Amino acid sequence: MREVAGPARPDGGVLMIATRMNIGGPARQILELARRLSPALPVSVAAGRPAPDEGELTDPEVPVAVLPLVRPVRPATDAHALVACRQLVRAARPAVVHTHMAKAGALGRLAALSLGRERPKLVHTFHGHVLQGYFGPGQQRVFLALERALARHTDVLVAVSPEVRDELVDLGVGRREQYEVVPIGVDLDLYSRVKPRRPDEAGPLRRSIGVPGDAFLVGVVGRLVPVKDHATLLEALALVPQAHLAVIGDGELRPTLEQQARRLGLAGRAHFTGWRQDVAGALDDLDVVVLTSRNEGTPVALIEASAAGRAVVATDVGGVRHVVEHGRTGWLCPPGDAAALAARLAELVAHPGLAEVAGQEGRRLVTARFGLQEAAARHLELYRSLMASRP
């Protein structure tokens, strides 16, 4: 992310505000939309800085104004961020403010609403939500009440899958008619070039972690945080002695997970790689990609894995079903069930042809469902409709 001198100036266009541009689906979606939409209307982006262990996504074509937004709840910092958001919105005078992620969704919308009758139209995208599985019961109730209140004053709520929309409506966040379901769009060109894996080949990932070409290598890509539940994956790996695991990513739980792996006797089979720049190259070395989250929106890691022709095994939560068709492009397991996950992985170790067939089916599905061009067109239509309805 590079700092922008002065406020972003959409000049009646769209101002996107995100909590942070960390490595992950929301930041990638924001950058790709901003790049694709900028020829049609003015689009600018503002965000906080990610923590060092989260990695940072940047795009040389999309400058990002820096706001003092942080993910944790810090009253003094959050008050400062609210003032900064309000100053930015007043200076930029956008027709639409589109917020992404929970903290930016709260402070960005409050800042815009504080302008009263002069406020821009408001859009908030739920890439998932933090209302289940992230916080304790007390915090969860507070955040749920805040989301319900903000939804009443938001012009359009965007959900990245029908499952995410339905969960939020059931929680009382907005009315069904407020929602637009717009699947995320991903540039899949690089991943579509990944070829079927040959069992005698060891690419850069395998060589870097010392796993031979004929070993069964499972991969997981994402932040090492509680909601991703890597602990269950390590427990499952302990029950499948024929498999290795590449943990691609970083985060606050890395020391704890490395300690768990040693305790389970997995020091030689669980390999923590940190963030890798070449994710497509890493997928080239994997046999199966796993996701064990307890809560998800639409997981980009699984879309990319499927685009690369890799079968996926994932927990049946949130919008995962929108990406994985059970028994066709991959397999779904209950969250937190290490035995079920281990049984599925053991089956794929014994019958590797199943994973190859599912991977090819997954490539066809995600290419048709998650193209970037369609997502950009849907957002452009939404913005133009809101702009046309302004006085």
Protein backbone atom coordinates (compact mmCIF):
# COMPACT_ATOMS: atom_id res chain seq x y z
CA MET A 1 0.00 0.00 0.00
CA ARG A 2 1.35 3.43 -0.79
CA GLU A 3 0.21 6.53 1.03
CA VAL A 4 -1.70 9.11 -0.96
CA ALA A 5 -1.09 12.75 -0.28
CA GLY A 6 -4.40 14.35 0.62
CA PRO A 7 -7.84 12.82 0.34
CA ALA A 8 -8.98 10.48 -2.39
CA ARG A 9 -11.09 12.39 -4.93
CA PRO A 10 -13.76 10.23 -6.58
CA ASP A 11 -15.55 13.46 -7.70
CA GLY A 12 -19.03 12.08 -7.36
CA GLY A 13 -17.87 8.52 -7.95
CA VAL A 14 -17.27 5.66 -5.52
CA LEU A 15 -15.12 5.65 -2.38
CA MET A 16 -14.28 2.16 -1.11
CA ILE A 17 -13.21 1.92 2.53
CA ALA A 18 -11.67 -1.27 3.91
CA THR A 19 -10.31 -2.12 7.35
CA ARG A 20 -6.98 -3.29 5.92
CA MET A 21 -5.51 -4.68 2.69
CA ASN A 22 -4.20 -7.92 4.15
CA ILE A 23 -3.61 -10.99 2.02
CA GLY A 24 -7.03 -12.52 1.48
CA GLY A 25 -10.19 -12.47 -0.58
CA PRO A 26 -11.71 -9.08 0.41
CA ALA A 27 -8.58 -7.05 -0.35
CA ARG A 28 -8.06 -8.83 -3.64
CA GLN A 29 -11.68 -8.21 -4.60
CA ILE A 30 -11.40 -4.49 -3.78
CA LEU A 31 -8.22 -3.98 -5.83
CA GLU A 32 -9.54 -5.91 -8.82
CA LEU A 33 -12.87 -4.07 -8.80
CA ALA A 34 -11.20 -0.68 -8.48
CA ARG A 35 -8.91 -1.46 -11.41
CA ARG A 36 -11.70 -2.84 -13.60
CA LEU A 37 -14.24 -0.09 -12.84
CA SER A 38 -11.98 2.98 -12.99
CA PRO A 39 -12.38 3.47 -16.78
CA ALA A 40 -16.18 3.65 -16.33
CA LEU A 41 -16.40 5.89 -13.25
CA PRO A 42 -14.12 7.46 -10.62
CA VAL A 43 -13.20 4.90 -7.94
CA SER A 44 -10.84 5.45 -5.02
CA VAL A 45 -9.76 3.22 -2.14
CA ALA A 46 -8.85 3.96 1.48
CA ALA A 47 -7.83 1.46 4.15
CA GLY A 48 -5.84 0.85 7.29
CA ARG A 49 -2.54 -1.01 7.34
CA PRO A 50 -2.44 -4.75 8.06
CA ALA A 51 -0.39 -6.27 10.83
CA PRO A 52 3.09 -7.44 9.74
CA ASP A 53 2.21 -11.14 10.00
CA GLU A 54 -0.88 -10.74 7.77
CA GLY A 55 0.95 -9.74 4.60
CA GLU A 56 -0.20 -6.88 2.41
CA LEU A 57 -1.82 -6.82 -1.03
CA THR A 58 -0.99 -3.95 -3.36
CA ASP A 59 -1.63 -3.05 -6.99
CA PRO A 60 0.51 -0.46 -8.78
CA GLU A 61 -2.60 0.70 -10.68
CA VAL A 62 -4.68 1.28 -7.53
CA PRO A 63 -3.36 3.87 -5.05
CA VAL A 64 -4.70 3.42 -1.51
CA ALA A 65 -5.16 6.30 0.92
CA VAL A 66 -4.10 5.29 4.43
CA LEU A 67 -6.60 5.60 7.29
CA PRO A 68 -5.90 4.87 10.99
CA LEU A 69 -8.17 1.82 10.92
CA VAL A 70 -7.19 -1.25 12.95
CA ARG A 71 -8.96 -4.59 13.29
CA PRO A 72 -8.98 -4.90 17.13
CA VAL A 73 -11.42 -2.83 19.18
CA ARG A 74 -9.41 0.12 20.54
CA PRO A 75 -11.71 2.98 21.61
CA ALA A 76 -9.19 5.83 21.33
CA THR A 77 -7.82 4.64 17.98
CA ASP A 78 -11.31 3.94 16.68
CA ALA A 79 -12.48 7.44 17.61
CA HIS A 80 -9.51 8.88 15.71
CA ALA A 81 -10.32 6.65 12.74
CA LEU A 82 -13.96 7.77 12.76
CA VAL A 83 -12.88 11.41 12.55
CA ALA A 84 -10.45 10.58 9.74
CA CYS A 85 -13.15 8.71 7.82
CA ARG A 86 -15.54 11.64 8.16
CA GLN A 87 -12.92 14.10 6.96
CA LEU A 88 -12.15 11.89 3.97
CA VAL A 89 -15.79 11.50 2.98
CA ARG A 90 -16.44 15.24 3.31
CA ALA A 91 -13.38 16.11 1.25
CA ALA A 92 -13.93 13.48 -1.47
CA ARG A 93 -17.68 14.11 -1.87
CA PRO A 94 -18.38 10.64 -3.33
CA ALA A 95 -21.80 9.70 -4.65
CA VAL A 96 -21.38 6.24 -3.09
CA VAL A 97 -19.39 5.01 -0.09
CA HIS A 98 -18.84 1.27 -0.29
CA THR A 99 -17.45 -0.30 2.89
CA HIS A 100 -15.78 -3.68 3.27
CA MET A 101 -14.98 -5.66 6.44
CA ALA A 102 -16.51 -5.13 9.87
CA LYS A 103 -14.50 -2.22 11.35
CA ALA A 104 -14.53 -0.18 8.15
CA GLY A 105 -18.19 -1.06 7.72
CA ALA A 106 -19.02 0.40 11.11
CA LEU A 107 -16.82 3.50 11.13
CA GLY A 108 -17.15 4.25 7.42
CA ARG A 109 -20.93 4.14 7.51
CA LEU A 110 -21.13 6.13 10.75
CA ALA A 111 -18.86 8.77 9.21
CA ALA A 112 -21.03 9.05 6.11
CA LEU A 113 -24.27 9.10 8.11
CA SER A 114 -22.95 11.95 10.26
CA LEU A 115 -23.14 14.20 7.20
CA GLY A 116 -26.93 14.13 7.41
CA ARG A 117 -28.88 15.03 4.30
CA GLU A 118 -25.66 15.49 2.31
CA ARG A 119 -24.54 11.95 2.93
CA PRO A 120 -23.62 9.69 0.00
CA LYS A 121 -25.45 6.47 -0.79
CA LEU A 122 -24.18 3.60 1.36
CA VAL A 123 -23.23 0.08 0.32
CA HIS A 124 -21.69 -2.51 2.62
CA THR A 125 -20.36 -5.89 1.48
CA PHE A 126 -20.41 -8.88 3.80
CA HIS A 127 -17.55 -11.03 2.54
CA GLY A 128 -18.53 -13.22 5.46
CA HIS A 129 -19.30 -11.90 8.91
CA VAL A 130 -17.83 -11.80 12.40
CA LEU A 131 -21.11 -12.37 14.21
CA GLN A 132 -20.48 -16.06 14.91
CA GLY A 133 -17.26 -17.79 15.88
CA TYR A 134 -14.97 -14.77 16.27
CA PHE A 135 -15.74 -13.25 19.68
CA GLY A 136 -17.17 -14.13 23.09
CA PRO A 137 -20.94 -13.98 23.75
CA GLY A 138 -20.89 -10.46 25.20
CA GLN A 139 -18.94 -8.87 22.35
CA GLN A 140 -20.97 -10.85 19.85
CA ARG A 141 -24.23 -9.38 21.17
CA VAL A 142 -22.83 -5.84 20.96
CA PHE A 143 -21.55 -6.29 17.40
CA LEU A 144 -24.83 -7.88 16.33
CA ALA A 145 -26.83 -4.94 17.70
CA LEU A 146 -24.52 -2.50 15.90
CA GLU A 147 -24.83 -4.36 12.58
CA ARG A 148 -28.62 -4.42 12.87
CA ALA A 149 -28.70 -0.67 13.52
CA LEU A 150 -26.31 0.15 10.67
CA ALA A 151 -28.22 -2.08 8.26
CA ARG A 152 -31.35 0.03 8.77
CA HIS A 153 -29.49 3.05 7.37
CA THR A 154 -27.60 1.30 4.54
CA ASP A 155 -29.01 1.62 1.05
CA VAL A 156 -27.75 -1.74 -0.26
CA LEU A 157 -26.25 -4.73 1.55
CA VAL A 158 -24.15 -7.02 -0.61
CA ALA A 159 -23.60 -10.68 0.28
CA VAL A 160 -21.06 -12.77 -1.60
CA SER A 161 -23.28 -15.85 -1.56
CA PRO A 162 -26.90 -16.79 -0.86
CA GLU A 163 -25.74 -18.66 2.22
CA VAL A 164 -24.12 -15.56 3.74
CA ARG A 165 -27.25 -13.51 2.98
CA ASP A 166 -29.53 -16.08 4.58
CA GLU A 167 -27.39 -16.29 7.72
CA LEU A 168 -27.46 -12.52 8.13
CA VAL A 169 -31.20 -12.22 7.53
CA ASP A 170 -31.76 -14.97 10.12
CA LEU A 171 -29.65 -12.91 12.54
CA GLY A 172 -31.85 -9.87 11.92
CA VAL A 173 -29.20 -7.91 10.00
CA GLY A 174 -31.17 -6.09 7.33
CA ARG A 175 -34.21 -7.12 5.32
CA ARG A 176 -33.99 -9.65 2.53
CA GLU A 177 -35.01 -7.03 -0.03
CA GLN A 178 -32.01 -4.87 0.95
CA TYR A 179 -29.58 -7.52 -0.22
CA GLU A 180 -27.88 -8.02 -3.53
CA VAL A 181 -26.06 -11.35 -3.90
CA VAL A 182 -22.95 -10.71 -5.97
CA PRO A 183 -20.46 -13.59 -6.07
CA ILE A 184 -16.90 -12.42 -5.76
CA GLY A 185 -14.92 -12.09 -8.96
CA VAL A 186 -11.41 -13.47 -9.16
CA ASP A 187 -8.81 -13.19 -11.90
CA LEU A 188 -8.23 -16.89 -12.44
CA ASP A 189 -6.00 -16.77 -15.49
CA LEU A 190 -2.80 -17.61 -13.61
CA TYR A 191 -4.45 -20.52 -11.77
CA SER A 192 -6.07 -21.97 -14.88
CA ARG A 193 -2.57 -22.58 -16.27
CA VAL A 194 -1.66 -25.01 -13.47
CA LYS A 195 -1.38 -28.50 -14.94
CA PRO A 196 -2.37 -31.85 -13.40
CA ARG A 197 0.32 -32.97 -11.00
CA ARG A 198 2.68 -35.79 -11.96
CA PRO A 199 3.51 -38.01 -8.98
CA ASP A 200 7.22 -38.10 -9.83
CA GLU A 201 7.65 -34.32 -9.86
CA ALA A 202 8.67 -32.08 -6.96
CA GLY A 203 8.27 -28.38 -7.64
CA PRO A 204 9.56 -25.38 -5.66
CA LEU A 205 7.20 -25.84 -2.71
CA ARG A 206 8.06 -29.51 -2.21
CA ARG A 207 11.77 -28.84 -2.60
CA SER A 208 11.65 -26.00 -0.08
CA ILE A 209 10.01 -28.15 2.61
CA GLY A 210 11.73 -31.44 1.73
CA VAL A 211 8.70 -33.41 0.53
CA PRO A 212 9.36 -35.85 -2.35
CA GLY A 213 7.24 -35.93 -5.50
CA ASP A 214 5.61 -39.25 -4.67
CA ALA A 215 4.35 -38.15 -1.21
CA PHE A 216 0.71 -37.11 -0.71
CA LEU A 217 0.78 -33.40 0.09
CA VAL A 218 -2.22 -31.56 1.52
CA GLY A 219 -2.22 -27.77 1.57
CA VAL A 220 -4.06 -25.09 3.51
CA VAL A 221 -3.80 -21.42 2.50
CA GLY A 222 -4.85 -18.62 4.84
CA ARG A 223 -4.28 -16.61 7.99
CA LEU A 224 -3.34 -18.55 11.13
CA VAL A 225 -6.17 -17.25 13.31
CA PRO A 226 -8.73 -19.02 15.54
CA VAL A 227 -11.69 -18.97 13.14
CA LYS A 228 -9.67 -20.91 10.53
CA ASP A 229 -9.32 -23.80 13.03
CA HIS A 230 -5.99 -25.19 11.87
CA ALA A 231 -5.90 -27.13 15.15
CA THR A 232 -8.55 -29.54 13.87
CA LEU A 233 -6.57 -30.02 10.65
CA LEU A 234 -3.45 -30.96 12.62
CA GLU A 235 -5.48 -33.45 14.66
CA ALA A 236 -6.76 -34.99 11.42
CA LEU A 237 -3.24 -35.16 9.96
CA ALA A 238 -2.12 -37.18 12.98
CA LEU A 239 -4.67 -39.82 11.94
CA VAL A 240 -3.39 -40.03 8.33
CA PRO A 241 0.28 -41.07 8.62
CA GLN A 242 0.74 -41.26 4.83
CA ALA A 243 0.09 -37.52 4.28
CA HIS A 244 2.16 -34.37 4.59
CA LEU A 245 0.70 -30.90 5.20
CA ALA A 246 1.89 -27.53 3.88
CA VAL A 247 0.55 -24.67 6.02
CA ILE A 248 0.79 -21.66 3.71
CA GLY A 249 0.20 -18.41 5.57
CA ASP A 250 1.02 -16.72 8.83
CA GLY A 251 -0.70 -15.15 11.81
CA GLU A 252 -1.01 -14.87 15.54
CA LEU A 253 -1.46 -18.61 16.15
CA ARG A 254 1.64 -19.81 14.33
CA PRO A 255 3.74 -20.49 17.49
CA THR A 256 0.80 -22.30 19.12
CA LEU A 257 0.14 -24.42 16.04
CA GLU A 258 3.81 -25.29 15.61
CA GLN A 259 3.86 -26.40 19.24
CA GLN A 260 0.72 -28.51 18.68
CA ALA A 261 2.31 -30.13 15.64
CA ARG A 262 5.35 -31.12 17.70
CA ARG A 263 3.13 -32.45 20.49
CA LEU A 264 1.24 -34.62 17.98
CA GLY A 265 4.47 -35.97 16.52
CA LEU A 266 4.00 -34.14 13.22
CA ALA A 267 7.31 -32.25 13.13
CA GLY A 268 8.37 -34.11 9.99
CA ARG A 269 4.97 -33.93 8.23
CA ALA A 270 3.48 -30.52 9.07
CA HIS A 271 5.44 -27.81 7.26
CA PHE A 272 4.84 -24.12 8.05
CA THR A 273 5.93 -22.08 5.04
CA GLY A 274 4.73 -18.56 5.90
CA TRP A 275 3.25 -16.44 3.11
CA ARG A 276 4.35 -17.28 -0.40
CA GLN A 277 4.22 -14.84 -3.29
CA ASP A 278 3.60 -17.55 -5.88
CA VAL A 279 0.41 -19.23 -4.63
CA ALA A 280 -0.33 -20.71 -8.07
CA GLY A 281 3.13 -22.29 -8.07
CA ALA A 282 2.49 -23.72 -4.61
CA LEU A 283 -0.84 -25.21 -5.75
CA ASP A 284 1.07 -26.95 -8.54
CA ASP A 285 2.77 -29.07 -5.86
CA LEU A 286 -0.36 -29.96 -3.86
CA ASP A 287 -2.59 -33.02 -4.23
CA VAL A 288 -5.53 -31.63 -2.23
CA VAL A 289 -6.39 -28.28 -0.66
CA VAL A 290 -8.15 -28.20 2.71
CA LEU A 291 -10.09 -25.54 4.59
CA THR A 292 -11.23 -26.12 8.18
CA SER A 293 -12.83 -22.77 9.03
CA ARG A 294 -15.67 -22.49 11.53
CA ASN A 295 -17.09 -19.50 9.65
CA GLU A 296 -16.55 -18.34 6.06
CA GLY A 297 -17.95 -16.09 3.38
CA THR A 298 -16.79 -17.21 -0.04
CA PRO A 299 -13.28 -18.59 0.41
CA VAL A 300 -11.02 -17.31 -2.37
CA ALA A 301 -8.39 -19.90 -1.46
CA LEU A 302 -10.79 -22.65 -2.52
CA ILE A 303 -11.77 -20.83 -5.71
CA GLU A 304 -8.10 -20.54 -6.67
CA ALA A 305 -7.45 -24.17 -5.75
CA SER A 306 -10.35 -25.34 -7.91
CA ALA A 307 -9.27 -23.09 -10.79
CA ALA A 308 -5.89 -24.80 -10.56
CA GLY A 309 -7.60 -28.18 -10.88
CA ARG A 310 -7.05 -29.25 -7.29
CA ALA A 311 -9.74 -31.08 -5.35
CA VAL A 312 -10.78 -29.50 -2.07
CA VAL A 313 -11.95 -30.82 1.29
CA ALA A 314 -13.65 -28.17 3.41
CA THR A 315 -15.93 -27.60 6.35
CA ASP A 316 -19.59 -27.05 5.50
CA VAL A 317 -19.93 -23.49 6.79
CA GLY A 318 -21.06 -20.12 5.41
CA GLY A 319 -20.72 -19.79 1.66
CA VAL A 320 -18.41 -22.79 1.17
CA ARG A 321 -21.24 -24.72 -0.52
CA HIS A 322 -21.33 -21.96 -3.13
CA VAL A 323 -17.77 -22.98 -4.11
CA VAL A 324 -17.65 -26.72 -3.39
CA GLU A 325 -20.22 -29.17 -4.72
CA HIS A 326 -19.99 -32.15 -2.40
CA GLY A 327 -18.98 -35.32 -4.21
CA ARG A 328 -18.44 -33.51 -7.50
CA THR A 329 -15.74 -30.83 -7.09
CA GLY A 330 -14.67 -31.76 -3.58
CA TRP A 331 -16.01 -32.91 -0.24
CA LEU A 332 -17.62 -31.20 2.76
CA CYS A 333 -17.13 -32.16 6.41
CA PRO A 334 -18.71 -30.92 9.66
CA PRO A 335 -16.66 -28.15 11.34
CA GLY A 336 -14.44 -29.26 14.19
CA ASP A 337 -14.64 -32.97 13.24
CA ALA A 338 -11.06 -34.21 12.93
CA ALA A 339 -12.14 -37.84 12.47
CA ALA A 340 -14.41 -37.06 9.50
CA LEU A 341 -11.71 -34.95 7.88
CA ALA A 342 -9.10 -37.65 8.43
CA ALA A 343 -11.37 -40.31 6.93
CA ARG A 344 -11.84 -38.24 3.78
CA LEU A 345 -8.12 -37.55 3.42
CA ALA A 346 -7.29 -41.22 3.97
CA GLU A 347 -9.72 -42.13 1.18
CA LEU A 348 -8.01 -39.72 -1.20
CA VAL A 349 -4.58 -41.06 -0.27
CA ALA A 350 -5.80 -44.54 -1.13
CA HIS A 351 -7.59 -43.45 -4.33
CA PRO A 352 -5.75 -40.43 -5.80
CA GLY A 353 -7.79 -40.64 -9.01
CA LEU A 354 -10.82 -39.33 -7.10
CA ALA A 355 -9.02 -36.08 -6.37
CA GLU A 356 -7.94 -35.65 -9.98
CA VAL A 357 -11.49 -36.03 -11.31
CA ALA A 358 -12.93 -33.67 -8.67
CA GLY A 359 -10.23 -31.10 -9.43
CA GLN A 360 -11.13 -30.96 -13.10
CA GLU A 361 -14.84 -30.60 -12.27
CA GLY A 362 -13.98 -27.81 -9.83
CA ARG A 363 -12.02 -25.95 -12.49
CA ARG A 364 -15.05 -25.92 -14.78
CA LEU A 365 -17.42 -24.77 -12.01
CA VAL A 366 -15.41 -21.85 -10.60
CA THR A 367 -14.40 -20.56 -14.02
CA ALA A 368 -18.08 -20.21 -14.92
CA ARG A 369 -19.25 -18.89 -11.52
CA PHE A 370 -16.55 -16.52 -10.26
CA GLY A 371 -15.30 -14.63 -13.28
CA LEU A 372 -14.11 -11.09 -12.56
CA GLN A 373 -15.88 -9.53 -15.54
CA GLU A 374 -19.33 -10.51 -14.28
CA ALA A 375 -18.63 -9.23 -10.76
CA ALA A 376 -17.38 -5.90 -12.10
CA ALA A 377 -20.45 -5.53 -14.32
CA ARG A 378 -22.80 -6.22 -11.38
CA HIS A 379 -21.08 -3.62 -9.21
CA LEU A 380 -21.12 -1.02 -11.99
CA GLU A 381 -24.85 -1.57 -12.45
CA LEU A 382 -25.41 -1.22 -8.69
CA TYR A 383 -23.41 2.01 -8.44
CA ARG A 384 -25.11 3.60 -11.43
CA SER A 385 -28.53 2.72 -10.07
CA LEU A 386 -27.72 4.36 -6.72
CA MET A 387 -26.25 7.43 -8.38
CA ALA A 388 -29.35 7.83 -10.54
CA SER A 389 -31.55 7.78 -7.40
CA ARG A 390 -29.69 10.64 -5.69
CA PRO A 391 -31.34 14.07 -5.65
